[in-house]
Amino acid sequence: MTDTLTIGFLLFDDITQLDFTGPLQVLSRLPGAKVHLVARTRDAVRTDSGPFILPDTTLAECPGLDLLCIPGGFGVDAAMEDAEIVDFVKRQATGARYVTSVCTGAFVLGAAGLLEGRKATTHWRYHDHLAAFGAEPVTARVVRDGDLFTGGGVTAGIDFAFTIAVEIAGETVAQAIQLGLEYDPHPPVDSGSPDKAPDPVRGAVEQRFAPRVAAFAEVVERVRGVGV
């Protein structure tokens, strides 16, 4: 392991805040970690829950990254069709030790051609669309395929980050970070995956997601047609 671990989070408007901040909190505590928040400009980026985040570098200025992480969120639709973003991801992926995503951020990797023939996961409601980019969808909270790490929906980004922490720094360091963050979840309800959710709950969530997923599917078809 090098003395410095250069980590870059790709930011764009309407990212899901926890997709980004969960992994950030874990990975920023790795020994030698230097984190860059990367966006088209240094202007504030809007999250889906209200707060704004200030990038510290741009797509053009960002140095070579050891670890590239792409969060998800509704803004993924536009990011998938943004040639500048897709070119940045392709360029960084050629030299990165780890190419990663959380939730629907996987589809930006797909738009960049980085999922072809690779195992991957994403948010459960979007899972079937991974195959459109040549990926092998795997139902798991975290999936590794060589240097490619993908996390499931939103909160899975924390487990995803600890998986990478173990890979990079070993179990003892990861355990120390875990203890420092007091990451010991015991939710008062147990409906965090479609297999566990009662049918009425799953049905209600699927109904709420339906218009959003339909719009997303149209973007996937356009991106595939363009062959970005």
Protein backbone atom coordinates (compact mmCIF):
# COMPACT_ATOMS: atom_id res chain seq x y z
CA MET A 1 0.00 0.00 0.00
CA THR A 2 1.29 3.45 -0.93
CA ASP A 3 1.67 6.17 1.68
CA THR A 4 -1.19 8.13 0.15
CA LEU A 5 -4.51 6.69 -0.95
CA THR A 6 -6.16 9.16 -3.32
CA ILE A 7 -9.94 8.74 -3.22
CA GLY A 8 -12.36 10.57 -5.47
CA PHE A 9 -16.13 10.80 -5.11
CA LEU A 10 -17.91 11.87 -8.27
CA LEU A 11 -20.64 14.38 -7.43
CA PHE A 12 -23.55 15.65 -9.50
CA ASP A 13 -26.87 17.32 -8.72
CA ASP A 14 -29.51 15.13 -7.08
CA ILE A 15 -27.17 12.49 -5.70
CA THR A 16 -28.50 10.55 -2.74
CA GLN A 17 -26.74 12.13 0.21
CA LEU A 18 -26.13 8.91 2.18
CA ASP A 19 -24.78 7.10 -0.90
CA PHE A 20 -21.92 9.56 -0.67
CA THR A 21 -21.54 10.51 2.99
CA GLY A 22 -21.76 6.95 4.36
CA PRO A 23 -18.73 5.69 2.41
CA LEU A 24 -16.97 9.03 2.83
CA GLN A 25 -17.13 8.74 6.63
CA VAL A 26 -15.51 5.31 6.53
CA LEU A 27 -12.99 5.67 3.72
CA SER A 28 -11.73 9.07 4.84
CA ARG A 29 -10.43 7.38 8.00
CA LEU A 30 -8.17 4.97 6.14
CA PRO A 31 -4.45 5.55 6.74
CA GLY A 32 -3.06 7.98 4.14
CA ALA A 33 -6.47 8.78 2.70
CA LYS A 34 -6.72 11.98 0.68
CA VAL A 35 -10.27 12.61 -0.47
CA HIS A 36 -11.33 14.66 -3.48
CA LEU A 37 -14.92 15.69 -4.14
CA VAL A 38 -15.12 15.91 -7.91
CA ALA A 39 -17.75 17.63 -10.03
CA ARG A 40 -18.09 19.50 -13.32
CA THR A 41 -17.37 22.78 -11.52
CA ARG A 42 -16.58 23.89 -7.99
CA ASP A 43 -20.12 25.17 -7.55
CA ALA A 44 -22.24 23.58 -4.81
CA VAL A 45 -23.85 20.27 -5.73
CA ARG A 46 -27.44 19.64 -4.66
CA THR A 47 -28.35 16.40 -2.87
CA ASP A 48 -31.76 14.75 -2.92
CA SER A 49 -32.39 15.57 0.73
CA GLY A 50 -31.69 19.29 0.69
CA PRO A 51 -28.07 19.92 1.75
CA PHE A 52 -25.49 21.19 -0.71
CA ILE A 53 -21.93 19.89 -0.99
CA LEU A 54 -18.93 21.88 -2.18
CA PRO A 55 -16.60 20.02 -4.55
CA ASP A 56 -12.89 20.72 -4.15
CA THR A 57 -11.86 19.87 -7.72
CA THR A 58 -13.30 19.56 -11.20
CA LEU A 59 -13.43 16.77 -13.73
CA ALA A 60 -10.67 18.46 -15.70
CA GLU A 61 -8.43 19.24 -12.71
CA CYS A 62 -8.81 16.02 -10.71
CA PRO A 63 -5.55 14.10 -10.25
CA GLY A 64 -5.26 10.41 -10.95
CA LEU A 65 -7.23 8.45 -8.39
CA ASP A 66 -6.42 5.24 -6.57
CA LEU A 67 -10.10 4.76 -5.79
CA LEU A 68 -13.01 6.16 -7.77
CA CYS A 69 -16.46 6.03 -6.14
CA ILE A 70 -19.71 6.97 -7.85
CA PRO A 71 -22.79 7.46 -5.65
CA GLY A 72 -26.33 7.05 -6.96
CA GLY A 73 -29.49 9.08 -6.87
CA PHE A 74 -31.98 10.59 -9.29
CA GLY A 75 -29.15 12.61 -10.84
CA VAL A 76 -27.71 9.41 -12.29
CA ASP A 77 -30.06 9.77 -15.25
CA ALA A 78 -28.39 12.97 -16.42
CA ALA A 79 -24.90 11.73 -15.46
CA MET A 80 -25.28 8.65 -17.66
CA GLU A 81 -25.89 10.90 -20.67
CA ASP A 82 -23.22 13.45 -19.81
CA ALA A 83 -20.28 12.80 -22.15
CA GLU A 84 -17.88 14.80 -19.97
CA ILE A 85 -18.73 12.75 -16.89
CA VAL A 86 -18.58 9.45 -18.77
CA ASP A 87 -15.21 10.36 -20.30
CA PHE A 88 -13.89 11.28 -16.85
CA VAL A 89 -14.96 7.90 -15.46
CA LYS A 90 -13.34 6.05 -18.36
CA ARG A 91 -10.14 8.02 -17.98
CA GLN A 92 -9.86 7.57 -14.22
CA ALA A 93 -10.73 3.87 -14.42
CA THR A 94 -7.67 3.14 -16.54
CA GLY A 95 -5.30 3.99 -13.69
CA ALA A 96 -7.39 3.39 -10.57
CA ARG A 97 -6.71 0.48 -8.26
CA TYR A 98 -10.38 0.32 -7.31
CA VAL A 99 -13.38 1.33 -9.42
CA THR A 100 -16.49 1.48 -7.27
CA SER A 101 -20.11 2.56 -6.99
CA VAL A 102 -22.94 2.73 -4.52
CA CYS A 103 -26.60 2.18 -5.38
CA THR A 104 -27.52 3.38 -8.88
CA GLY A 105 -24.06 4.89 -9.32
CA ALA A 106 -23.33 1.52 -10.93
CA PHE A 107 -25.14 2.72 -14.05
CA VAL A 108 -22.62 5.50 -14.61
CA LEU A 109 -20.00 2.76 -14.66
CA GLY A 110 -22.25 0.93 -17.10
CA ALA A 111 -22.50 3.97 -19.36
CA ALA A 112 -18.69 4.08 -19.36
CA GLY A 113 -18.54 0.44 -20.49
CA LEU A 114 -17.04 -0.78 -17.22
CA LEU A 115 -19.67 -3.38 -16.30
CA GLU A 116 -19.39 -5.53 -19.41
CA GLY A 117 -18.90 -9.15 -18.32
CA ARG A 118 -18.57 -8.16 -14.65
CA LYS A 119 -20.58 -9.13 -11.59
CA ALA A 120 -22.31 -6.16 -9.98
CA THR A 121 -25.13 -5.04 -7.72
CA THR A 122 -27.22 -1.92 -7.22
CA HIS A 123 -30.44 -0.83 -5.49
CA TRP A 124 -32.90 -3.75 -5.55
CA ARG A 125 -35.55 -1.85 -7.53
CA TYR A 126 -33.10 -1.18 -10.38
CA HIS A 127 -31.28 -4.49 -10.26
CA ASP A 128 -32.63 -5.98 -13.48
CA HIS A 129 -31.34 -3.05 -15.53
CA LEU A 130 -27.70 -3.98 -14.85
CA ALA A 131 -27.91 -6.62 -17.58
CA ALA A 132 -28.53 -3.86 -20.15
CA PHE A 133 -24.86 -2.91 -19.72
CA GLY A 134 -23.54 -6.44 -19.98
CA ALA A 135 -23.23 -6.96 -16.22
CA GLU A 136 -24.08 -10.13 -14.35
CA PRO A 137 -26.51 -8.93 -11.65
CA VAL A 138 -25.79 -10.43 -8.24
CA THR A 139 -28.22 -10.08 -5.36
CA ALA A 140 -25.91 -9.07 -2.54
CA ARG A 141 -25.22 -6.08 -0.36
CA VAL A 142 -21.66 -5.77 -1.70
CA VAL A 143 -20.22 -7.42 -4.80
CA ARG A 144 -16.57 -7.60 -5.81
CA ASP A 145 -15.31 -8.57 -9.24
CA GLY A 146 -11.57 -7.98 -9.37
CA ASP A 147 -10.92 -4.26 -8.98
CA LEU A 148 -14.65 -3.50 -9.32
CA PHE A 149 -16.63 -3.05 -6.09
CA THR A 150 -20.35 -2.26 -6.22
CA GLY A 151 -22.69 -1.63 -3.30
CA GLY A 152 -26.44 -2.09 -3.08
CA GLY A 153 -28.93 0.61 -2.22
CA VAL A 154 -28.06 3.64 -0.09
CA THR A 155 -27.17 2.24 3.36
CA ALA A 156 -25.31 -0.66 1.74
CA GLY A 157 -22.68 1.96 0.98
CA ILE A 158 -21.47 1.70 4.57
CA ASP A 159 -20.93 -2.06 4.34
CA PHE A 160 -19.39 -1.50 0.92
CA ALA A 161 -16.91 0.96 2.42
CA PHE A 162 -15.94 -1.42 5.20
CA THR A 163 -15.40 -4.17 2.61
CA ILE A 164 -12.93 -1.89 0.84
CA ALA A 165 -11.35 -0.88 4.15
CA VAL A 166 -10.60 -4.52 4.94
CA GLU A 167 -9.18 -5.01 1.44
CA ILE A 168 -6.89 -1.98 1.66
CA ALA A 169 -5.87 -1.79 5.31
CA GLY A 170 -6.83 -5.12 6.88
CA GLU A 171 -9.38 -6.21 9.45
CA THR A 172 -7.81 -4.53 12.47
CA VAL A 173 -7.88 -1.08 10.90
CA ALA A 174 -11.42 -1.66 9.63
CA GLN A 175 -12.51 -2.78 13.09
CA ALA A 176 -10.98 0.33 14.65
CA ILE A 177 -12.88 2.54 12.20
CA GLN A 178 -16.06 0.59 12.90
CA LEU A 179 -15.67 1.04 16.65
CA GLY A 180 -14.82 4.72 16.31
CA LEU A 181 -18.02 5.23 14.33
CA GLU A 182 -19.97 2.90 16.64
CA TYR A 183 -21.33 1.14 13.58
CA ASP A 184 -23.38 -1.61 15.23
CA PRO A 185 -26.83 -1.39 13.62
CA HIS A 186 -29.86 -2.87 15.36
CA PRO A 187 -32.86 -1.32 13.59
CA PRO A 188 -36.21 -1.49 15.40
CA VAL A 189 -37.84 -2.87 12.24
CA ASP A 190 -36.59 -5.56 9.86
CA SER A 191 -37.81 -4.67 6.39
CA GLY A 192 -34.59 -3.53 4.77
CA SER A 193 -34.61 -5.88 1.79
CA PRO A 194 -37.39 -7.00 -0.56
CA ASP A 195 -37.11 -10.56 0.75
CA LYS A 196 -37.80 -9.42 4.31
CA ALA A 197 -40.47 -6.81 3.66
CA PRO A 198 -44.14 -7.78 4.18
CA ASP A 199 -46.03 -7.95 0.90
CA PRO A 200 -48.09 -4.78 1.54
CA VAL A 201 -44.93 -2.83 2.34
CA ARG A 202 -43.09 -4.08 -0.72
CA GLY A 203 -46.09 -3.39 -2.91
CA ALA A 204 -46.40 0.17 -1.65
CA VAL A 205 -42.70 0.86 -2.23
CA GLU A 206 -42.75 -0.67 -5.69
CA GLN A 207 -45.78 1.44 -6.58
CA ARG A 208 -44.01 4.58 -5.36
CA PHE A 209 -40.90 3.74 -7.40
CA ALA A 210 -42.77 2.72 -10.57
CA PRO A 211 -42.87 6.11 -12.37
CA ARG A 212 -39.27 6.79 -11.46
CA VAL A 213 -38.07 3.38 -12.69
CA ALA A 214 -40.01 3.75 -15.94
CA ALA A 215 -38.31 7.07 -16.63
CA PHE A 216 -34.94 5.55 -15.74
CA ALA A 217 -35.51 2.66 -18.16
CA GLU A 218 -35.97 5.16 -20.99
CA VAL A 219 -32.60 6.71 -20.17
CA VAL A 220 -30.97 3.28 -20.15
CA GLU A 221 -32.33 2.59 -23.62
CA ARG A 222 -31.03 5.90 -24.94
CA VAL A 223 -27.58 5.35 -23.45
CA ARG A 224 -27.40 1.86 -24.91
CA GLY A 225 -28.48 3.22 -28.29
CA VAL A 226 -25.79 5.89 -28.29
CA GLY A 227 -23.17 3.44 -27.06
CA VAL A 228 -21.45 5.96 -24.80
